[in-house]
Amino acid sequence: MNFMEKYDKLVSIAYFIQSEKTGSLDNFAKRCEIEKRTLSNLIDTLRQFTGRNGAEIRYNRDRKTYYFDPPGKFTNFEFKEK
C-alpha cells in the first residue's frame, strides 16, 4: 500500500469511526476491504494522531462500534473536538 492509498484508507476509517457505524473489527475490515491486522494497524496510527490532541479511539461492545472520545472529527492528520 503506497502513501496515498494508506492516507485514503485512514480518512475512510476515520469517517466510519466518526459516524460510529463501524461494526466489529471483522465487519469493519470487510467494509474497508482490508485484512483485520491491517485495519488494526491503521487504527493504531489514527490513535497516535488523535492522542496528540487529547482524544481517544474506543470500542463500545454493546453498540459494536468504534468511536472518538470526546466526539470530534479527524481532518488533515489532526483531530478537532466538536
PDB file of N, CA and C in Angstrom:
ATOM      1  N   MET A   1       0.861  -1.169   0.000  1.00  0.00           N
ATOM      2  CA  MET A   1       0.000   0.000   0.000  1.00  0.00           C
ATOM      3  C   MET A   1       0.909   1.235   0.000  1.00  0.00           C
ATOM      4  N   ASN A   2       0.770   2.087  -1.021  1.00  0.00           N
ATOM      5  CA  ASN A   2       1.582   3.302  -1.067  1.00  0.00           C
ATOM      6  C   ASN A   2       0.998   4.372  -0.134  1.00  0.00           C
ATOM      7  N   PHE A   3       1.692   5.478  -0.019  1.00  0.00           N
ATOM      8  CA  PHE A   3       1.296   6.517   0.922  1.00  0.00           C
ATOM      9  C   PHE A   3      -0.118   7.027   0.658  1.00  0.00           C
ATOM     10  N   MET A   4      -0.448   7.308  -0.585  1.00  0.00           N
ATOM     11  CA  MET A   4      -1.772   7.859  -0.899  1.00  0.00           C
ATOM     12  C   MET A   4      -2.881   6.841  -0.619  1.00  0.00           C
ATOM     13  N   GLU A   5      -2.624   5.571  -0.908  1.00  0.00           N
ATOM     14  CA  GLU A   5      -3.616   4.542  -0.598  1.00  0.00           C
ATOM     15  C   GLU A   5      -3.818   4.450   0.918  1.00  0.00           C
ATOM     16  N   LYS A   6      -2.709   4.520   1.654  1.00  0.00           N
ATOM     17  CA  LYS A   6      -2.793   4.471   3.114  1.00  0.00           C
ATOM     18  C   LYS A   6      -3.539   5.698   3.644  1.00  0.00           C
ATOM     19  N   TYR A   7      -3.222   6.866   3.105  1.00  0.00           N
ATOM     20  CA  TYR A   7      -3.906   8.090   3.518  1.00  0.00           C
ATOM     21  C   TYR A   7      -5.412   7.979   3.261  1.00  0.00           C
ATOM     22  N   ASP A   8      -5.776   7.510   2.065  1.00  0.00           N
ATOM     23  CA  ASP A   8      -7.198   7.357   1.726  1.00  0.00           C
ATOM     24  C   ASP A   8      -7.891   6.384   2.682  1.00  0.00           C
ATOM     25  N   LYS A   9      -7.215   5.298   3.033  1.00  0.00           N
ATOM     26  CA  LYS A   9      -7.791   4.337   3.980  1.00  0.00           C
ATOM     27  C   LYS A   9      -7.960   4.976   5.356  1.00  0.00           C
ATOM     28  N   LEU A  10      -6.959   5.748   5.807  1.00  0.00           N
ATOM     29  CA  LEU A  10      -7.050   6.417   7.103  1.00  0.00           C
ATOM     30  C   LEU A  10      -8.235   7.377   7.143  1.00  0.00           C
ATOM     31  N   VAL A  11      -8.424   8.126   6.084  1.00  0.00           N
ATOM     32  CA  VAL A  11      -9.548   9.065   6.010  1.00  0.00           C
ATOM     33  C   VAL A  11     -10.871   8.300   6.050  1.00  0.00           C
ATOM     34  N   SER A  12     -10.959   7.212   5.308  1.00  0.00           N
ATOM     35  CA  SER A  12     -12.169   6.402   5.276  1.00  0.00           C
ATOM     36  C   SER A  12     -12.458   5.793   6.641  1.00  0.00           C
ATOM     37  N   ILE A  13     -11.435   5.252   7.277  1.00  0.00           N
ATOM     38  CA  ILE A  13     -11.585   4.652   8.602  1.00  0.00           C
ATOM     39  C   ILE A  13     -12.036   5.706   9.607  1.00  0.00           C
ATOM     40  N   ALA A  14     -11.412   6.878   9.561  1.00  0.00           N
ATOM     41  CA  ALA A  14     -11.788   7.964  10.470  1.00  0.00           C
ATOM     42  C   ALA A  14     -13.237   8.371  10.258  1.00  0.00           C
ATOM     43  N   TYR A  15     -13.688   8.395   9.019  1.00  0.00           N
ATOM     44  CA  TYR A  15     -15.074   8.758   8.726  1.00  0.00           C
ATOM     45  C   TYR A  15     -16.038   7.752   9.378  1.00  0.00           C
ATOM     46  N   PHE A  16     -15.749   6.462   9.214  1.00  0.00           N
ATOM     47  CA  PHE A  16     -16.604   5.437   9.813  1.00  0.00           C
ATOM     48  C   PHE A  16     -16.612   5.542  11.335  1.00  0.00           C
ATOM     49  N   ILE A  17     -15.429   5.802  11.915  1.00  0.00           N
ATOM     50  CA  ILE A  17     -15.355   5.944  13.373  1.00  0.00           C
ATOM     51  C   ILE A  17     -16.151   7.165  13.815  1.00  0.00           C
ATOM     52  N   GLN A  18     -16.005   8.250  13.104  1.00  0.00           N
ATOM     53  CA  GLN A  18     -16.747   9.479  13.423  1.00  0.00           C
ATOM     54  C   GLN A  18     -18.253   9.230  13.349  1.00  0.00           C
ATOM     55  N   SER A  19     -18.666   8.436  12.390  1.00  0.00           N
ATOM     56  CA  SER A  19     -20.092   8.123  12.217  1.00  0.00           C
ATOM     57  C   SER A  19     -20.590   7.107  13.243  1.00  0.00           C
ATOM     58  N   GLU A  20     -19.663   6.472  13.945  1.00  0.00           N
ATOM     59  CA  GLU A  20     -19.975   5.441  14.937  1.00  0.00           C
ATOM     60  C   GLU A  20     -20.808   4.318  14.342  1.00  0.00           C
ATOM     61  N   LYS A  21     -20.389   3.881  13.143  1.00  0.00           N
ATOM     62  CA  LYS A  21     -21.075   2.796  12.443  1.00  0.00           C
ATOM     63  C   LYS A  21     -20.058   1.812  11.880  1.00  0.00           C
ATOM     64  N   THR A  22     -19.118   1.385  12.727  1.00  0.00           N
ATOM     65  CA  THR A  22     -18.048   0.534  12.225  1.00  0.00           C
ATOM     66  C   THR A  22     -18.377  -0.947  12.265  1.00  0.00           C
ATOM     67  N   GLY A  23     -19.136  -1.365  13.259  1.00  0.00           N
ATOM     68  CA  GLY A  23     -19.330  -2.793  13.480  1.00  0.00           C
ATOM     69  C   GLY A  23     -18.094  -3.367  14.162  1.00  0.00           C
ATOM     70  N   SER A  24     -18.050  -4.673  14.258  1.00  0.00           N
ATOM     71  CA  SER A  24     -16.903  -5.351  14.873  1.00  0.00           C
ATOM     72  C   SER A  24     -15.662  -5.169  13.998  1.00  0.00           C
ATOM     73  N   LEU A  25     -14.510  -5.540  14.527  1.00  0.00           N
ATOM     74  CA  LEU A  25     -13.271  -5.425  13.751  1.00  0.00           C
ATOM     75  C   LEU A  25     -13.355  -6.249  12.477  1.00  0.00           C
ATOM     76  N   ASP A  26     -13.931  -7.458  12.567  1.00  0.00           N
ATOM     77  CA  ASP A  26     -14.092  -8.296  11.372  1.00  0.00           C
ATOM     78  C   ASP A  26     -14.959  -7.613  10.316  1.00  0.00           C
ATOM     79  N   ASN A  27     -16.122  -7.119  10.737  1.00  0.00           N
ATOM     80  CA  ASN A  27     -17.023  -6.449   9.793  1.00  0.00           C
ATOM     81  C   ASN A  27     -16.426  -5.167   9.248  1.00  0.00           C
ATOM     82  N   PHE A  28     -15.748  -4.435  10.116  1.00  0.00           N
ATOM     83  CA  PHE A  28     -15.116  -3.178   9.721  1.00  0.00           C
ATOM     84  C   PHE A  28     -14.043  -3.448   8.664  1.00  0.00           C
ATOM     85  N   ALA A  29     -13.245  -4.471   8.868  1.00  0.00           N
ATOM     86  CA  ALA A  29     -12.189  -4.822   7.905  1.00  0.00           C
ATOM     87  C   ALA A  29     -12.795  -5.194   6.548  1.00  0.00           C
ATOM     88  N   LYS A  30     -13.876  -5.965   6.578  1.00  0.00           N
ATOM     89  CA  LYS A  30     -14.541  -6.336   5.318  1.00  0.00           C
ATOM     90  C   LYS A  30     -15.076  -5.100   4.607  1.00  0.00           C
ATOM     91  N   ARG A  31     -15.673  -4.194   5.366  1.00  0.00           N
ATOM     92  CA  ARG A  31     -16.225  -2.962   4.782  1.00  0.00           C
ATOM     93  C   ARG A  31     -15.119  -2.129   4.134  1.00  0.00           C
ATOM     94  N   CYS A  32     -13.949  -2.122   4.769  1.00  0.00           N
ATOM     95  CA  CYS A  32     -12.813  -1.343   4.252  1.00  0.00           C
ATOM     96  C   CYS A  32     -12.007  -2.112   3.206  1.00  0.00           C
ATOM     97  N   GLU A  33     -12.377  -3.372   2.991  1.00  0.00           N
ATOM     98  CA  GLU A  33     -11.707  -4.241   2.023  1.00  0.00           C
ATOM     99  C   GLU A  33     -10.217  -4.396   2.315  1.00  0.00           C
ATOM    100  N   ILE A  34      -9.908  -4.619   3.598  1.00  0.00           N
ATOM    101  CA  ILE A  34      -8.537  -4.867   4.020  1.00  0.00           C
ATOM    102  C   ILE A  34      -8.533  -5.973   5.078  1.00  0.00           C
ATOM    103  N   GLU A  35      -7.353  -6.503   5.334  1.00  0.00           N
ATOM    104  CA  GLU A  35      -7.205  -7.538   6.353  1.00  0.00           C
ATOM    105  C   GLU A  35      -7.419  -6.943   7.737  1.00  0.00           C
ATOM    106  N   LYS A  36      -7.854  -7.787   8.643  1.00  0.00           N
ATOM    107  CA  LYS A  36      -8.118  -7.363  10.019  1.00  0.00           C
ATOM    108  C   LYS A  36      -6.861  -6.769  10.669  1.00  0.00           C
ATOM    109  N   ARG A  37      -5.723  -7.408  10.462  1.00  0.00           N
ATOM    110  CA  ARG A  37      -4.465  -6.921  11.044  1.00  0.00           C
ATOM    111  C   ARG A  37      -4.090  -5.550  10.477  1.00  0.00           C
ATOM    112  N   THR A  38      -4.290  -5.355   9.182  1.00  0.00           N
ATOM    113  CA  THR A  38      -4.004  -4.067   8.550  1.00  0.00           C
ATOM    114  C   THR A  38      -4.897  -2.989   9.144  1.00  0.00           C
ATOM    115  N   LEU A  39      -6.168  -3.308   9.325  1.00  0.00           N
ATOM    116  CA  LEU A  39      -7.094  -2.343   9.919  1.00  0.00           C
ATOM    117  C   LEU A  39      -6.660  -2.004  11.342  1.00  0.00           C
ATOM    118  N   SER A  40      -6.297  -2.995  12.103  1.00  0.00           N
ATOM    119  CA  SER A  40      -5.846  -2.763  13.471  1.00  0.00           C
ATOM    120  C   SER A  40      -4.635  -1.831  13.495  1.00  0.00           C
ATOM    121  N   ASN A  41      -3.695  -2.042  12.581  1.00  0.00           N
ATOM    122  CA  ASN A  41      -2.518  -1.170  12.489  1.00  0.00           C
ATOM    123  C   ASN A  41      -2.904   0.255  12.103  1.00  0.00           C
ATOM    124  N   LEU A  42      -3.847   0.402  11.182  1.00  0.00           N
ATOM    125  CA  LEU A  42      -4.280   1.739  10.765  1.00  0.00           C
ATOM    126  C   LEU A  42      -5.029   2.454  11.893  1.00  0.00           C
ATOM    127  N   ILE A  43      -5.819   1.715  12.657  1.00  0.00           N
ATOM    128  CA  ILE A  43      -6.489   2.314  13.816  1.00  0.00           C
ATOM    129  C   ILE A  43      -5.450   2.782  14.823  1.00  0.00           C
ATOM    130  N   ASP A  44      -4.395   1.991  15.021  1.00  0.00           N
ATOM    131  CA  ASP A  44      -3.313   2.404  15.924  1.00  0.00           C
ATOM    132  C   ASP A  44      -2.640   3.683  15.425  1.00  0.00           C
ATOM    133  N   THR A  45      -2.474   3.801  14.119  1.00  0.00           N
ATOM    134  CA  THR A  45      -1.905   5.028  13.543  1.00  0.00           C
ATOM    135  C   THR A  45      -2.814   6.215  13.834  1.00  0.00           C
ATOM    136  N   LEU A  46      -4.117   6.043  13.636  1.00  0.00           N
ATOM    137  CA  LEU A  46      -5.066   7.120  13.948  1.00  0.00           C
ATOM    138  C   LEU A  46      -5.021   7.477  15.430  1.00  0.00           C
ATOM    139  N   ARG A  47      -4.853   6.480  16.275  1.00  0.00           N
ATOM    140  CA  ARG A  47      -4.777   6.740  17.722  1.00  0.00           C
ATOM    141  C   ARG A  47      -3.604   7.654  18.065  1.00  0.00           C
ATOM    142  N   GLN A  48      -2.507   7.513  17.352  1.00  0.00           N
ATOM    143  CA  GLN A  48      -1.350   8.383  17.584  1.00  0.00           C
ATOM    144  C   GLN A  48      -1.699   9.837  17.280  1.00  0.00           C
ATOM    145  N   PHE A  49      -2.389  10.066  16.188  1.00  0.00           N
ATOM    146  CA  PHE A  49      -2.750  11.436  15.806  1.00  0.00           C
ATOM    147  C   PHE A  49      -3.814  12.020  16.728  1.00  0.00           C
ATOM    148  N   THR A  50      -4.840  11.242  17.024  1.00  0.00           N
ATOM    149  CA  THR A  50      -5.900  11.776  17.876  1.00  0.00           C
ATOM    150  C   THR A  50      -5.410  11.963  19.303  1.00  0.00           C
ATOM    151  N   GLY A  51      -4.529  11.082  19.747  1.00  0.00           N
ATOM    152  CA  GLY A  51      -3.992  11.179  21.100  1.00  0.00           C
ATOM    153  C   GLY A  51      -3.205  12.446  21.351  1.00  0.00           C
ATOM    154  N   ARG A  52      -2.578  12.963  20.317  1.00  0.00           N
ATOM    155  CA  ARG A  52      -1.833  14.229  20.460  1.00  0.00           C
ATOM    156  C   ARG A  52      -2.751  15.389  20.803  1.00  0.00           C
ATOM    157  N   ASN A  53      -4.011  15.241  20.468  1.00  0.00           N
ATOM    158  CA  ASN A  53      -4.988  16.299  20.709  1.00  0.00           C
ATOM    159  C   ASN A  53      -5.950  15.952  21.836  1.00  0.00           C
ATOM    160  N   GLY A  54      -5.578  14.982  22.650  1.00  0.00           N
ATOM    161  CA  GLY A  54      -6.373  14.652  23.822  1.00  0.00           C
ATOM    162  C   GLY A  54      -7.596  13.797  23.575  1.00  0.00           C
ATOM    163  N   ALA A  55      -7.665  13.137  22.430  1.00  0.00           N
ATOM    164  CA  ALA A  55      -8.812  12.286  22.118  1.00  0.00           C
ATOM    165  C   ALA A  55      -8.366  10.826  22.060  1.00  0.00           C
ATOM    166  N   GLU A  56      -9.315   9.948  22.201  1.00  0.00           N
ATOM    167  CA  GLU A  56      -9.039   8.515  22.116  1.00  0.00           C
ATOM    168  C   GLU A  56      -9.999   7.864  21.133  1.00  0.00           C
ATOM    169  N   ILE A  57      -9.577   6.736  20.609  1.00  0.00           N
ATOM    170  CA  ILE A  57     -10.472   5.892  19.824  1.00  0.00           C
ATOM    171  C   ILE A  57     -10.815   4.717  20.731  1.00  0.00           C
ATOM    172  N   ARG A  58     -12.100   4.548  20.979  1.00  0.00           N
ATOM    173  CA  ARG A  58     -12.571   3.483  21.868  1.00  0.00           C
ATOM    174  C   ARG A  58     -13.524   2.571  21.117  1.00  0.00           C
ATOM    175  N   TYR A  59     -13.819   1.446  21.745  1.00  0.00           N
ATOM    176  CA  TYR A  59     -14.776   0.497  21.170  1.00  0.00           C
ATOM    177  C   TYR A  59     -15.889   0.248  22.174  1.00  0.00           C
ATOM    178  N   ASN A  60     -17.140   0.371  21.728  1.00  0.00           N
ATOM    179  CA  ASN A  60     -18.303   0.107  22.562  1.00  0.00           C
ATOM    180  C   ASN A  60     -18.827  -1.282  22.206  1.00  0.00           C
ATOM    181  N   ARG A  61     -18.694  -2.212  23.131  1.00  0.00           N
ATOM    182  CA  ARG A  61     -19.098  -3.601  22.867  1.00  0.00           C
ATOM    183  C   ARG A  61     -20.605  -3.766  22.722  1.00  0.00           C
ATOM    184  N   ASP A  62     -21.368  -2.972  23.443  1.00  0.00           N
ATOM    185  CA  ASP A  62     -22.827  -3.073  23.340  1.00  0.00           C
ATOM    186  C   ASP A  62     -23.319  -2.614  21.970  1.00  0.00           C
ATOM    187  N   ARG A  63     -22.787  -1.495  21.506  1.00  0.00           N
ATOM    188  CA  ARG A  63     -23.208  -0.940  20.209  1.00  0.00           C
ATOM    189  C   ARG A  63     -22.388  -1.497  19.056  1.00  0.00           C
ATOM    190  N   LYS A  64     -21.303  -2.203  19.374  1.00  0.00           N
ATOM    191  CA  LYS A  64     -20.399  -2.795  18.372  1.00  0.00           C
ATOM    192  C   LYS A  64     -19.905  -1.741  17.389  1.00  0.00           C
ATOM    193  N   THR A  65     -19.263  -0.715  17.942  1.00  0.00           N
ATOM    194  CA  THR A  65     -18.711   0.324  17.094  1.00  0.00           C
ATOM    195  C   THR A  65     -17.525   1.002  17.768  1.00  0.00           C
ATOM    196  N   TYR A  66     -16.592   1.440  16.941  1.00  0.00           N
ATOM    197  CA  TYR A  66     -15.511   2.305  17.404  1.00  0.00           C
ATOM    198  C   TYR A  66     -16.042   3.726  17.411  1.00  0.00           C
ATOM    199  N   TYR A  67     -15.475   4.578  18.274  1.00  0.00           N
ATOM    200  CA  TYR A  67     -15.910   5.968  18.333  1.00  0.00           C
ATOM    201  C   TYR A  67     -14.788   6.839  18.893  1.00  0.00           C
ATOM    202  N   PHE A  68     -14.870   8.129  18.624  1.00  0.00           N
ATOM    203  CA  PHE A  68     -13.925   9.098  19.174  1.00  0.00           C
ATOM    204  C   PHE A  68     -14.432   9.572  20.531  1.00  0.00           C
ATOM    205  N   ASP A  69     -13.523   9.668  21.491  1.00  0.00           N
ATOM    206  CA  ASP A  69     -13.868  10.163  22.822  1.00  0.00           C
ATOM    207  C   ASP A  69     -12.867  11.233  23.221  1.00  0.00           C
ATOM    208  N   PRO A  70     -13.274  12.493  23.292  1.00  0.00           N
ATOM    209  CA  PRO A  70     -14.608  13.039  23.073  1.00  0.00           C
ATOM    210  C   PRO A  70     -14.972  13.016  21.581  1.00  0.00           C
ATOM    211  N   PRO A  71     -16.262  13.169  21.276  1.00  0.00           N
ATOM    212  CA  PRO A  71     -16.677  13.194  19.871  1.00  0.00           C
ATOM    213  C   PRO A  71     -15.948  14.300  19.113  1.00  0.00           C
ATOM    214  N   GLY A  72     -15.612  14.016  17.892  1.00  0.00           N
ATOM    215  CA  GLY A  72     -14.925  15.006  17.086  1.00  0.00           C
ATOM    216  C   GLY A  72     -14.702  14.503  15.673  1.00  0.00           C
ATOM    217  N   LYS A  73     -13.788  15.156  14.987  1.00  0.00           N
ATOM    218  CA  LYS A  73     -13.555  14.886  13.571  1.00  0.00           C
ATOM    219  C   LYS A  73     -12.063  14.831  13.299  1.00  0.00           C
ATOM    220  N   PHE A  74     -11.639  13.886  12.488  1.00  0.00           N
ATOM    221  CA  PHE A  74     -10.239  13.734  12.093  1.00  0.00           C
ATOM    222  C   PHE A  74     -10.063  14.357  10.710  1.00  0.00           C
ATOM    223  N   THR A  75      -9.266  15.423  10.630  1.00  0.00           N
ATOM    224  CA  THR A  75      -9.009  16.066   9.335  1.00  0.00           C
ATOM    225  C   THR A  75      -7.548  16.463   9.242  1.00  0.00           C
ATOM    226  N   ASN A  76      -6.987  16.309   8.076  1.00  0.00           N
ATOM    227  CA  ASN A  76      -5.607  16.734   7.816  1.00  0.00           C
ATOM    228  C   ASN A  76      -4.637  16.266   8.897  1.00  0.00           C
ATOM    229  N   PHE A  77      -4.785  15.007   9.278  1.00  0.00           N
ATOM    230  CA  PHE A  77      -3.937  14.400  10.307  1.00  0.00           C
ATOM    231  C   PHE A  77      -4.027  15.125  11.637  1.00  0.00           C
ATOM    232  N   GLU A  78      -5.179  15.724  11.908  1.00  0.00           N
ATOM    233  CA  GLU A  78      -5.452  16.358  13.188  1.00  0.00           C
ATOM    234  C   GLU A  78      -6.841  15.950  13.640  1.00  0.00           C
ATOM    235  N   PHE A  79      -6.985  15.824  14.921  1.00  0.00           N
ATOM    236  CA  PHE A  79      -8.314  15.567  15.486  1.00  0.00           C
ATOM    237  C   PHE A  79      -8.795  16.862  16.085  1.00  0.00           C
ATOM    238  N   LYS A  80     -10.006  17.272  15.725  1.00  0.00           N
ATOM    239  CA  LYS A  80     -10.579  18.501  16.260  1.00  0.00           C
ATOM    240  C   LYS A  80     -11.854  18.171  17.020  1.00  0.00           C
ATOM    241  N   GLU A  81     -11.876  18.567  18.269  1.00  0.00           N
ATOM    242  CA  GLU A  81     -13.049  18.326  19.097  1.00  0.00           C
ATOM    243  C   GLU A  81     -14.217  19.163  18.589  1.00  0.00           C
ATOM    244  N   LYS A  82     -15.413  18.596  18.650  1.00  0.00           N
ATOM    245  CA  LYS A  82     -16.612  19.299  18.176  1.00  0.00           C
ATOM    246  C   LYS A  82     -16.949  20.455  19.087  1.00  0.00           C
TER     247      LYS A  82
END
